C-alpha cells in the first residue's frame, strides 16, 4: 500500500513543485501491521523498497506507526475461573472476554494466548476454546487452541493487546473495565 501511495504522490508532488509550491514533508500515514502469527513483513522489509523513492523526493518523511508500537507493548492478563468439558470440546473460562478485548469476537482476530507461568517440561496439552464469562456466543478470546493442562486460578496472557484493550474495551453487561498496570 505504501508503494501504491507513492505511485500517486510522486506526480502530485512534482506538479505542486512545478506550480511553485514548496513540498517539504511527506506523511505516509500508518498501518504498519503486527506479526500476530509472523504474517506481517518486518519494518525493514516494508521500508526497503520505499527508501530510494522517498530520498529522491527530498522530503522529510513522517510515519505514524501506531499499533506497530502499541500492540506488542501490552498484554491482557486474565485468570481462569473454570475448565469444563462438553462432549469432545473443552472450554477454558476466564474472567476476561469480549468486554476487555473485542477483536476476536468482532472479526475473529488472532492473538497468541500463553500461560503466565511456564508449563512443566513434557506437560500434557489439549485443544480448547478460551472464552469469557458473559453468556454470549461471541464472548471468546481464542478458539480451538492447543494449550497445556490448565486449571482454575492459572493466569493467561493474551498477547499484542496494547493497541486494542483499553481503547476498545466496554462496560457491556455492567462489567467494569480492568485495571491497567505499567510494568518496567
Protein backbone atom coordinates (compact mmCIF):
# COMPACT_ATOMS: atom_id res chain seq x y z
CA UNK A 1 0.00 0.00 0.00
CA UNK A 2 2.85 2.41 0.68
CA UNK A 3 4.30 1.80 -2.78
CA UNK A 4 0.87 2.41 -4.35
CA UNK A 5 0.55 5.60 -2.31
CA UNK A 6 3.93 6.77 -3.59
CA UNK A 7 2.84 5.97 -7.17
CA UNK A 8 0.15 8.62 -6.72
CA UNK A 9 2.11 11.06 -4.58
CA UNK A 10 5.22 11.36 -6.74
CA UNK A 11 3.39 13.01 -9.70
CA UNK A 12 1.31 15.11 -7.31
CA UNK A 13 4.45 16.43 -5.58
CA UNK A 14 6.09 17.10 -8.98
CA UNK A 15 3.01 19.04 -10.14
CA UNK A 16 2.84 21.05 -6.91
CA UNK A 17 6.51 21.93 -7.18
CA UNK A 18 6.06 22.87 -10.86
CA UNK A 19 3.40 25.33 -9.72
CA UNK A 20 5.89 26.88 -7.30
CA UNK A 21 4.68 25.23 -4.13
CA UNK A 22 7.24 24.00 -1.62
CA UNK A 23 6.60 20.40 -0.63
CA UNK A 24 8.86 19.71 2.29
CA UNK A 25 7.07 16.99 4.24
CA UNK A 26 5.60 13.71 3.10
CA UNK A 27 3.24 11.95 5.54
CA UNK A 28 2.97 8.29 4.58
CA UNK A 29 0.38 7.64 7.27
CA UNK A 30 0.39 4.47 9.30
CA UNK A 31 -0.87 0.97 9.17
CA UNK A 32 2.31 -0.93 9.93
CA UNK A 33 0.99 -4.38 10.71
CA UNK A 34 1.80 -6.57 13.67
CA UNK A 35 3.00 -10.11 13.03
CA UNK A 36 0.42 -11.87 15.20
CA UNK A 37 1.48 -15.14 13.60
CA UNK A 38 4.58 -13.82 11.79
CA UNK A 39 2.49 -12.96 8.71
CA UNK A 40 3.33 -9.25 8.63
CA UNK A 41 6.59 -8.20 6.98
CA UNK A 42 9.23 -6.74 9.23
CA UNK A 43 9.64 -2.99 9.22
CA UNK A 44 12.93 -3.20 7.28
CA UNK A 45 11.29 -5.26 4.52
CA UNK A 46 8.45 -2.76 4.36
CA UNK A 47 10.72 0.29 4.17
CA UNK A 48 13.46 -1.03 1.85
CA UNK A 49 11.61 -0.54 -1.48
CA UNK A 50 10.35 2.90 -0.37
CA UNK A 51 13.65 4.39 0.74
CA UNK A 52 15.21 5.26 -2.66
CA UNK A 53 11.94 6.76 -3.89
CA UNK A 54 11.44 8.86 -0.78
CA UNK A 55 15.06 10.03 -0.80
CA UNK A 56 14.66 11.11 -4.44
CA UNK A 57 11.73 13.32 -3.44
CA UNK A 58 13.90 15.20 -0.95
CA UNK A 59 11.11 15.45 1.59
CA UNK A 60 11.10 14.96 5.32
CA UNK A 61 9.14 11.76 5.85
CA UNK A 62 6.60 11.33 8.63
CA UNK A 63 5.03 7.99 9.54
CA UNK A 64 2.50 7.02 12.19
CA UNK A 65 3.41 3.51 13.31
CA UNK A 66 0.54 3.29 15.81
CA UNK A 67 -0.24 -0.32 16.61
CA UNK A 68 3.19 -1.46 15.44
CA UNK A 69 4.48 0.05 18.67
CA UNK A 70 1.40 -0.03 20.92
CA UNK A 71 0.15 -3.54 20.09
CA UNK A 72 3.14 -5.59 21.27
CA UNK A 73 3.59 -3.24 24.25
CA UNK A 74 0.53 -4.62 26.02
CA UNK A 75 -0.92 -7.94 27.10
CA UNK A 76 -4.28 -8.76 28.62
CA UNK A 77 -3.77 -10.90 31.72
CA UNK A 78 -6.75 -13.00 32.71
CA UNK A 79 -7.44 -15.61 35.36
CA UNK A 80 -9.03 -18.97 34.63
CA UNK A 81 -12.25 -19.36 36.58
CA UNK A 82 -13.29 -22.78 35.30
CA UNK A 83 -12.26 -25.50 32.88
CA UNK A 84 -15.07 -27.65 31.55
CA UNK A 85 -15.70 -30.33 29.01
CA UNK A 86 -18.77 -30.65 26.81
CA UNK A 87 -18.62 -33.74 24.65
CA UNK A 88 -15.28 -33.72 22.87
CA UNK A 89 -14.80 -29.95 23.33
CA UNK A 90 -13.03 -28.24 26.19
CA UNK A 91 -13.64 -24.72 27.37
CA UNK A 92 -11.25 -22.62 29.42
CA UNK A 93 -13.42 -19.93 31.01
CA UNK A 94 -11.62 -16.76 32.06
CA UNK A 95 -12.54 -13.59 33.91
CA UNK A 96 -11.87 -11.54 30.74
CA UNK A 97 -13.56 -11.72 27.38
CA UNK A 98 -15.06 -9.57 24.66
CA UNK A 99 -15.58 -6.61 27.02
CA UNK A 100 -11.82 -6.40 27.55
CA UNK A 101 -10.64 -7.45 24.07
CA UNK A 102 -13.35 -7.38 21.42
CA UNK A 103 -11.26 -8.06 18.31
CA UNK A 104 -11.66 -11.87 18.37
CA UNK A 105 -15.45 -11.51 18.73
CA UNK A 106 -15.75 -8.76 16.10
CA UNK A 107 -13.73 -10.29 13.29
CA UNK A 108 -12.05 -13.43 14.58
CA UNK A 109 -8.74 -11.65 15.13
CA UNK A 110 -5.98 -13.99 16.27
CA UNK A 111 -3.97 -13.22 19.41
CA UNK A 112 -1.42 -15.57 20.89
CA UNK A 113 -2.53 -16.85 24.29
CA UNK A 114 0.04 -18.27 26.66
CA UNK A 115 0.18 -19.25 30.32
CA UNK A 116 1.86 -16.64 32.51
CA UNK A 117 3.71 -19.39 34.37
CA UNK A 118 5.66 -21.64 32.01
CA UNK A 119 4.22 -25.16 31.89
CA UNK A 120 6.34 -28.02 33.17
CA UNK A 121 8.54 -29.75 30.61
CA UNK A 122 6.52 -32.51 28.94
CA UNK A 123 3.19 -31.29 30.36
CA UNK A 124 0.20 -32.74 28.52
CA UNK A 125 -1.78 -30.47 26.23
CA UNK A 126 -5.31 -30.33 24.90
CA UNK A 127 -7.34 -28.29 22.41
CA UNK A 128 -9.72 -25.77 23.93
CA UNK A 129 -11.76 -22.66 23.33
CA UNK A 130 -10.69 -19.84 25.63
CA UNK A 131 -13.87 -17.98 26.46
CA UNK A 132 -15.07 -15.11 28.61
CA UNK A 133 -17.61 -15.00 31.44
CA UNK A 134 -20.52 -13.45 29.55
CA UNK A 135 -23.22 -15.74 28.19
CA UNK A 136 -22.72 -14.69 24.58
CA UNK A 137 -21.66 -16.93 21.70
CA UNK A 138 -19.15 -14.29 20.60
CA UNK A 139 -17.53 -13.99 24.02
CA UNK A 140 -14.23 -15.66 23.26
CA UNK A 141 -10.54 -14.77 23.23
CA UNK A 142 -9.31 -17.76 21.21
CA UNK A 143 -10.90 -20.77 19.56
CA UNK A 144 -9.53 -24.27 19.09
CA UNK A 145 -6.11 -23.62 20.58
CA UNK A 146 -3.56 -26.16 21.75
CA UNK A 147 -2.91 -25.32 25.41
CA UNK A 148 -1.04 -27.00 28.24
CA UNK A 149 -3.08 -28.54 31.04
CA UNK A 150 -4.72 -25.54 32.69
CA UNK A 151 -6.66 -25.23 35.92
CA UNK A 152 -8.76 -22.75 37.84
CA UNK A 153 -6.59 -19.91 39.15
CA UNK A 154 -3.97 -20.13 36.41
CA UNK A 155 -3.18 -16.86 34.63
CA UNK A 156 -3.14 -16.46 30.86
CA UNK A 157 -1.58 -13.65 28.84
CA UNK A 158 -3.33 -12.61 25.64
CA UNK A 159 -0.51 -11.05 23.64
CA UNK A 160 -0.37 -7.94 21.43
CA UNK A 161 -3.39 -6.36 23.09
CA UNK A 162 -1.78 -2.97 23.72
CA UNK A 163 -3.44 -1.13 20.85
CA UNK A 164 -6.86 -2.60 21.43
CA UNK A 165 -7.69 -3.49 25.04
CA UNK A 166 -8.32 -0.23 26.85
CA UNK A 167 -9.16 1.78 23.74
CA UNK A 168 -11.79 -0.71 22.51
CA UNK A 169 -12.96 -2.09 25.86
CA UNK A 170 -16.51 -1.61 27.09
CA UNK A 171 -18.75 -1.77 30.13
CA UNK A 172 -21.16 -4.13 28.38
CA UNK A 173 -23.28 -6.18 30.79
CA UNK A 174 -22.30 -3.74 33.59
CA UNK A 175 -18.73 -5.05 33.67
CA UNK A 176 -16.12 -2.57 34.92
CA UNK A 177 -13.05 -2.03 32.80
CA UNK A 178 -9.97 -3.88 34.05
CA UNK A 179 -7.09 -2.03 35.68
CA UNK A 180 -4.17 -1.02 33.53
CA UNK A 181 -0.75 -1.71 35.01
CA UNK A 182 2.55 -0.31 33.77
CA UNK A 183 5.45 -2.73 34.14
CA UNK A 184 9.02 -1.60 33.70
